[in-house]
């Protein structure tokens, strides 16, 4: 996934929205332990604001 400034691009396409929703569903189903393991092995990157 990526972020973009609104001025750089219009809204996401419907096919992209479908993929993002599926990814969110899968991520929300993970346990804290699974998330920590994915971060440790590089499968997920934690982004701090």
Protein backbone atom coordinates (compact mmCIF):
# COMPACT_ATOMS: atom_id res chain seq x y z
CA UNK A 1 0.00 0.00 0.00
CA UNK A 2 1.04 3.54 -0.45
CA UNK A 3 -0.13 7.00 0.39
CA UNK A 4 -0.38 9.94 -1.95
CA UNK A 5 -1.16 13.59 -1.71
CA UNK A 6 -4.66 14.39 -2.91
CA UNK A 7 -3.26 16.93 -5.36
CA UNK A 8 -1.12 14.20 -7.00
CA UNK A 9 -3.93 11.82 -7.85
CA UNK A 10 -7.70 11.51 -7.95
CA UNK A 11 -9.52 9.04 -5.72
CA UNK A 12 -8.55 5.38 -5.84
CA UNK A 13 -10.22 3.17 -8.42
CA UNK A 14 -12.92 0.65 -7.51
CA UNK A 15 -10.59 -2.30 -8.14
CA UNK A 16 -8.01 -0.75 -5.80
CA UNK A 17 -10.67 -0.18 -3.15
CA UNK A 18 -11.65 -3.85 -3.34
CA UNK A 19 -8.03 -4.92 -2.79
CA UNK A 20 -7.55 -2.47 0.10
CA UNK A 21 -10.71 -3.72 1.80
CA UNK A 22 -9.55 -7.34 1.51
CA UNK A 23 -6.10 -6.43 2.87
CA UNK A 24 -7.70 -4.59 5.79
CA UNK A 25 -9.91 -7.58 6.56
CA UNK A 26 -6.88 -9.88 6.63
CA UNK A 27 -4.77 -7.49 8.73
CA UNK A 28 -7.54 -6.96 11.27
CA UNK A 29 -7.84 -10.73 11.72
CA UNK A 30 -4.19 -11.04 12.81
CA UNK A 31 -3.28 -11.43 16.47
CA UNK A 32 -0.79 -9.09 18.14
CA UNK A 33 1.76 -11.89 18.09
CA UNK A 34 1.31 -12.46 14.36
CA UNK A 35 1.73 -8.74 13.67
CA UNK A 36 4.90 -8.56 15.78
CA UNK A 37 6.34 -11.56 13.94
CA UNK A 38 5.56 -9.99 10.54
CA UNK A 39 7.25 -6.76 11.62
CA UNK A 40 10.29 -8.70 12.88
CA UNK A 41 10.76 -10.62 9.63
CA UNK A 42 10.06 -7.60 7.42
CA UNK A 43 6.60 -8.66 6.23
CA UNK A 44 5.13 -5.47 7.67
CA UNK A 45 6.68 -2.10 8.28
CA UNK A 46 5.55 -0.01 11.21
CA UNK A 47 5.01 3.61 10.26
CA UNK A 48 5.16 6.22 13.01
CA UNK A 49 3.64 9.63 12.48
